[in-house]
Amino acid sequence: MSAFAGRAFGQSQSTPYPRRNAMTRWRWRALILLIYVVIGIYVAWLYDYITPGLLRDLAEALLAVFLWFLVLLGIDLHIG
């Protein structure tokens, strides 16, 4: 009988679920990145790099990008 019989592809004898470990590492990295970005947004807001006017302009731009067909039909997507 082969040494690999009875084990799924990618598994070793020392860790029964190596894919779970890789997924856990990926989730931790994603969580750390999300926290880093949220703190960066907060600091940028606190020091006036992000303003309500900038957010309004960004929202208008995103609306125009995702609803471009309404823009072509002549619908005004400007906020305020």
Protein backbone atom coordinates (compact mmCIF):
# COMPACT_ATOMS: atom_id res chain seq x y z
CA MET A 1 0.00 0.00 0.00
CA SER A 2 1.22 3.51 -0.79
CA ALA A 3 2.44 5.92 1.87
CA PHE A 4 -0.12 8.46 0.64
CA ALA A 5 -3.15 6.17 0.82
CA GLY A 6 -6.04 7.50 2.87
CA ARG A 7 -4.90 11.15 2.90
CA ALA A 8 -6.28 13.99 0.85
CA PHE A 9 -4.04 15.87 -1.52
CA GLY A 10 -1.91 18.46 0.26
CA GLN A 11 -2.20 16.97 3.73
CA SER A 12 0.75 15.84 5.79
CA GLN A 13 0.87 13.53 8.77
CA SER A 14 1.80 16.28 11.25
CA THR A 15 -1.18 18.59 10.58
CA PRO A 16 -4.52 17.02 9.74
CA TYR A 17 -5.96 20.22 8.21
CA PRO A 18 -3.22 22.26 6.47
CA ARG A 19 -5.69 24.08 4.26
CA ARG A 20 -7.56 25.31 7.33
CA ASN A 21 -4.28 26.72 8.69
CA ALA A 22 -3.61 28.53 5.41
CA MET A 23 -7.14 29.94 5.42
CA THR A 24 -6.76 31.09 9.01
CA ARG A 25 -3.53 32.91 8.15
CA TRP A 26 -5.25 34.55 5.16
CA ARG A 27 -8.14 35.71 7.34
CA TRP A 28 -5.79 37.19 9.94
CA ARG A 29 -3.90 39.08 7.24
CA ALA A 30 -7.15 40.38 5.78
CA LEU A 31 -8.36 41.46 9.23
CA ILE A 32 -5.10 43.28 9.97
CA LEU A 33 -5.27 45.02 6.58
CA LEU A 34 -8.88 46.05 7.22
CA ILE A 35 -8.01 47.47 10.65
CA TYR A 36 -5.04 49.34 9.13
CA VAL A 37 -7.25 50.91 6.43
CA VAL A 38 -10.00 51.86 8.90
CA ILE A 39 -7.47 53.55 11.19
CA GLY A 40 -6.00 55.34 8.16
CA ILE A 41 -9.43 56.63 7.13
CA TYR A 42 -10.08 57.85 10.67
CA VAL A 43 -6.75 59.68 10.88
CA ALA A 44 -7.27 61.22 7.42
CA TRP A 45 -10.74 62.40 8.51
CA LEU A 46 -9.36 63.77 11.78
CA TYR A 47 -6.67 65.81 10.00
CA ASP A 48 -9.06 67.05 7.27
CA TYR A 49 -7.60 65.07 4.39
CA ILE A 50 -11.07 63.58 3.95
CA THR A 51 -13.91 66.11 4.05
CA PRO A 52 -17.66 65.89 3.54
CA GLY A 53 -17.19 67.61 0.17
CA LEU A 54 -14.69 64.97 -0.90
CA LEU A 55 -17.07 62.21 0.18
CA ARG A 56 -19.90 63.82 -1.81
CA ASP A 57 -17.70 64.08 -4.90
CA LEU A 58 -16.60 60.47 -4.49
CA ALA A 59 -20.22 59.31 -4.12
CA GLU A 60 -21.21 61.22 -7.27
CA ALA A 61 -18.31 59.70 -9.20
CA LEU A 62 -19.19 56.16 -8.05
CA LEU A 63 -22.82 56.67 -8.96
CA ALA A 64 -21.82 57.89 -12.42
CA VAL A 65 -19.49 54.91 -12.92
CA PHE A 66 -21.97 52.22 -11.84
CA LEU A 67 -25.09 53.90 -13.27
CA TRP A 68 -23.49 55.19 -16.50
CA PHE A 69 -26.52 54.20 -18.54
CA LEU A 70 -28.65 56.66 -16.55
CA VAL A 71 -26.12 59.39 -17.26
CA LEU A 72 -26.40 58.61 -20.98
CA LEU A 73 -30.19 58.91 -20.68
CA GLY A 74 -29.75 62.42 -19.29
CA ILE A 75 -30.48 61.74 -15.63
CA ASP A 76 -28.54 64.02 -13.27
CA LEU A 77 -26.73 62.05 -10.56
CA HIS A 78 -25.29 65.05 -8.74
CA ILE A 79 -25.91 65.01 -5.00
CA GLY A 80 -27.10 68.19 -3.32
